[in-house]
C-alpha atoms as a PDB file:
ATOM      1  CA  UNK A   1      83.614 138.492 104.373  1.00  0.00           C
ATOM      2  CA  UNK A   2      82.329 140.302 107.454  1.00  0.00           C
ATOM      3  CA  UNK A   3      83.634 143.552 108.841  1.00  0.00           C
ATOM      4  CA  UNK A   4      84.087 143.684 112.591  1.00  0.00           C
ATOM      5  CA  UNK A   5      83.551 147.079 114.213  1.00  0.00           C
ATOM      6  CA  UNK A   6      86.249 148.814 116.200  1.00  0.00           C
ATOM      7  CA  UNK A   7      84.096 148.499 119.315  1.00  0.00           C
ATOM      8  CA  UNK A   8      83.719 144.741 118.800  1.00  0.00           C
ATOM      9  CA  UNK A   9      87.478 144.320 118.250  1.00  0.00           C
ATOM     10  CA  UNK A  10      88.193 146.386 121.367  1.00  0.00           C
ATOM     11  CA  UNK A  11      85.778 144.339 123.455  1.00  0.00           C
ATOM     12  CA  UNK A  12      87.203 141.086 122.138  1.00  0.00           C
ATOM     13  CA  UNK A  13      90.724 142.296 122.934  1.00  0.00           C
ATOM     14  CA  UNK A  14      89.881 143.178 126.531  1.00  0.00           C
ATOM     15  CA  UNK A  15      88.132 139.839 127.053  1.00  0.00           C
ATOM     16  CA  UNK A  16      91.131 137.946 125.681  1.00  0.00           C
ATOM     17  CA  UNK A  17      93.576 139.981 127.765  1.00  0.00           C
ATOM     18  CA  UNK A  18      91.490 139.440 130.907  1.00  0.00           C
ATOM     19  CA  UNK A  19      91.429 135.704 130.204  1.00  0.00           C
ATOM     20  CA  UNK A  20      95.235 135.746 130.405  1.00  0.00           C
ATOM     21  CA  UNK A  21      95.289 137.302 133.881  1.00  0.00           C
ATOM     22  CA  UNK A  22      95.695 134.064 135.793  1.00  0.00           C
ATOM     23  CA  UNK A  23      98.347 132.956 138.248  1.00  0.00           C
ATOM     24  CA  UNK A  24     101.713 132.788 136.539  1.00  0.00           C
ATOM     25  CA  UNK A  25     100.784 134.889 133.484  1.00  0.00           C
ATOM     26  CA  UNK A  26     103.620 136.411 131.457  1.00  0.00           C
ATOM     27  CA  UNK A  27     103.476 140.212 131.805  1.00  0.00           C
ATOM     28  CA  UNK A  28     105.696 140.825 128.779  1.00  0.00           C
ATOM     29  CA  UNK A  29     103.538 138.570 126.607  1.00  0.00           C
ATOM     30  CA  UNK A  30     100.377 140.307 127.834  1.00  0.00           C
ATOM     31  CA  UNK A  31     101.738 143.797 127.120  1.00  0.00           C
ATOM     32  CA  UNK A  32     103.057 142.710 123.719  1.00  0.00           C
ATOM     33  CA  UNK A  33      99.609 141.362 122.837  1.00  0.00           C
ATOM     34  CA  UNK A  34      98.034 144.651 123.986  1.00  0.00           C
ATOM     35  CA  UNK A  35     100.446 146.636 121.831  1.00  0.00           C
ATOM     36  CA  UNK A  36      99.770 144.412 118.808  1.00  0.00           C
ATOM     37  CA  UNK A  37      96.026 144.767 119.257  1.00  0.00           C
ATOM     38  CA  UNK A  38      96.329 148.562 119.530  1.00  0.00           C
ATOM     39  CA  UNK A  39      97.997 148.623 116.106  1.00  0.00           C
ATOM     40  CA  UNK A  40      95.260 146.378 114.692  1.00  0.00           C
ATOM     41  CA  UNK A  41      92.210 147.992 116.307  1.00  0.00           C
ATOM     42  CA  UNK A  42      93.306 151.591 115.898  1.00  0.00           C
ATOM     43  CA  UNK A  43      94.539 150.954 112.346  1.00  0.00           C
ATOM     44  CA  UNK A  44      97.849 152.717 112.939  1.00  0.00           C
ATOM     45  CA  UNK A  45     101.286 151.960 111.572  1.00  0.00           C
ATOM     46  CA  UNK A  46     103.009 151.812 114.932  1.00  0.00           C
ATOM     47  CA  UNK A  47     102.318 151.830 118.647  1.00  0.00           C
ATOM     48  CA  UNK A  48     104.287 152.168 121.830  1.00  0.00           C
ATOM     49  CA  UNK A  49     103.252 151.248 125.319  1.00  0.00           C
ATOM     50  CA  UNK A  50     104.626 153.005 128.381  1.00  0.00           C
ATOM     51  CA  UNK A  51     103.561 152.426 131.947  1.00  0.00           C
ATOM     52  CA  UNK A  52     103.997 154.548 135.042  1.00  0.00           C
ATOM     53  CA  UNK A  53     106.106 153.001 137.775  1.00  0.00           C
ATOM     54  CA  UNK A  54     105.141 153.426 141.440  1.00  0.00           C
ATOM     55  CA  UNK A  55     107.821 156.139 141.723  1.00  0.00           C
ATOM     56  CA  UNK A  56     105.984 158.140 139.005  1.00  0.00           C
ATOM     57  CA  UNK A  57     108.509 157.572 136.224  1.00  0.00           C
ATOM     58  CA  UNK A  58     107.484 156.266 132.815  1.00  0.00           C
ATOM     59  CA  UNK A  59     108.973 153.060 131.428  1.00  0.00           C
ATOM     60  CA  UNK A  60     108.877 151.648 127.895  1.00  0.00           C
ATOM     61  CA  UNK A  61     107.099 148.291 127.958  1.00  0.00           C
ATOM     62  CA  UNK A  62     106.386 147.340 124.332  1.00  0.00           C
ATOM     63  CA  UNK A  63     106.802 148.859 120.867  1.00  0.00           C
ATOM     64  CA  UNK A  64     105.758 148.000 117.342  1.00  0.00           C
ATOM     65  CA  UNK A  65     107.782 148.109 115.208  1.00  0.00           C
ATOM     66  CA  UNK A  66     110.930 147.808 117.311  1.00  0.00           C
ATOM     67  CA  UNK A  67     112.230 151.104 115.884  1.00  0.00           C
ATOM     68  CA  UNK A  68     109.515 152.869 117.888  1.00  0.00           C
ATOM     69  CA  UNK A  69     111.251 151.669 121.065  1.00  0.00           C
ATOM     70  CA  UNK A  70     114.204 153.925 120.245  1.00  0.00           C
ATOM     71  CA  UNK A  71     111.844 156.869 119.745  1.00  0.00           C
ATOM     72  CA  UNK A  72     110.210 156.168 123.120  1.00  0.00           C
ATOM     73  CA  UNK A  73     113.599 156.024 124.826  1.00  0.00           C
ATOM     74  CA  UNK A  74     114.404 159.447 123.338  1.00  0.00           C
ATOM     75  CA  UNK A  75     111.049 160.686 124.659  1.00  0.00           C
ATOM     76  CA  UNK A  76     111.938 159.575 128.160  1.00  0.00           C
ATOM     77  CA  UNK A  77     115.390 161.123 127.925  1.00  0.00           C
ATOM     78  CA  UNK A  78     114.130 164.490 126.662  1.00  0.00           C
ATOM     79  CA  UNK A  79     110.890 164.380 128.680  1.00  0.00           C
ATOM     80  CA  UNK A  80     109.012 165.379 125.504  1.00  0.00           C
ATOM     81  CA  UNK A  81     107.020 163.577 122.813  1.00  0.00           C
ATOM     82  CA  UNK A  82     103.606 162.039 122.177  1.00  0.00           C
ATOM     83  CA  UNK A  83     103.618 159.613 125.118  1.00  0.00           C
ATOM     84  CA  UNK A  84     104.696 162.343 127.512  1.00  0.00           C
ATOM     85  CA  UNK A  85     102.037 164.646 126.043  1.00  0.00           C
ATOM     86  CA  UNK A  86      99.303 162.018 126.532  1.00  0.00           C
ATOM     87  CA  UNK A  87     100.439 161.350 130.083  1.00  0.00           C
ATOM     88  CA  UNK A  88     100.509 165.020 131.075  1.00  0.00           C
ATOM     89  CA  UNK A  89      97.355 166.142 129.245  1.00  0.00           C
ATOM     90  CA  UNK A  90      95.187 163.017 129.326  1.00  0.00           C
ATOM     91  CA  UNK A  91      94.503 163.587 125.612  1.00  0.00           C
ATOM     92  CA  UNK A  92      95.392 161.371 122.646  1.00  0.00           C
ATOM     93  CA  UNK A  93      98.327 162.339 120.433  1.00  0.00           C
ATOM     94  CA  UNK A  94      97.256 162.085 116.812  1.00  0.00           C
ATOM     95  CA  UNK A  95      99.504 162.602 113.789  1.00  0.00           C
END
């Protein structure tokens, strides 16, 4: 059994995601795949993905597990939490 490095997994993920960026691609499927790969590559128990809309507001795009979606919605409502921290500071939030 071979062990694949985090860098190799990350590179493979970006290549696969880029391959999906063709006319008519499914944005939700792409973001869900990105979220799933973040959990796998970063070896974390959960991940949430928020994007910034053109008006500057954050929006929940994908969560794993689904219970994290509720946490992210609370973050947006209270304007506090790890995603908000990362967005404002540009630093990772690590627990």
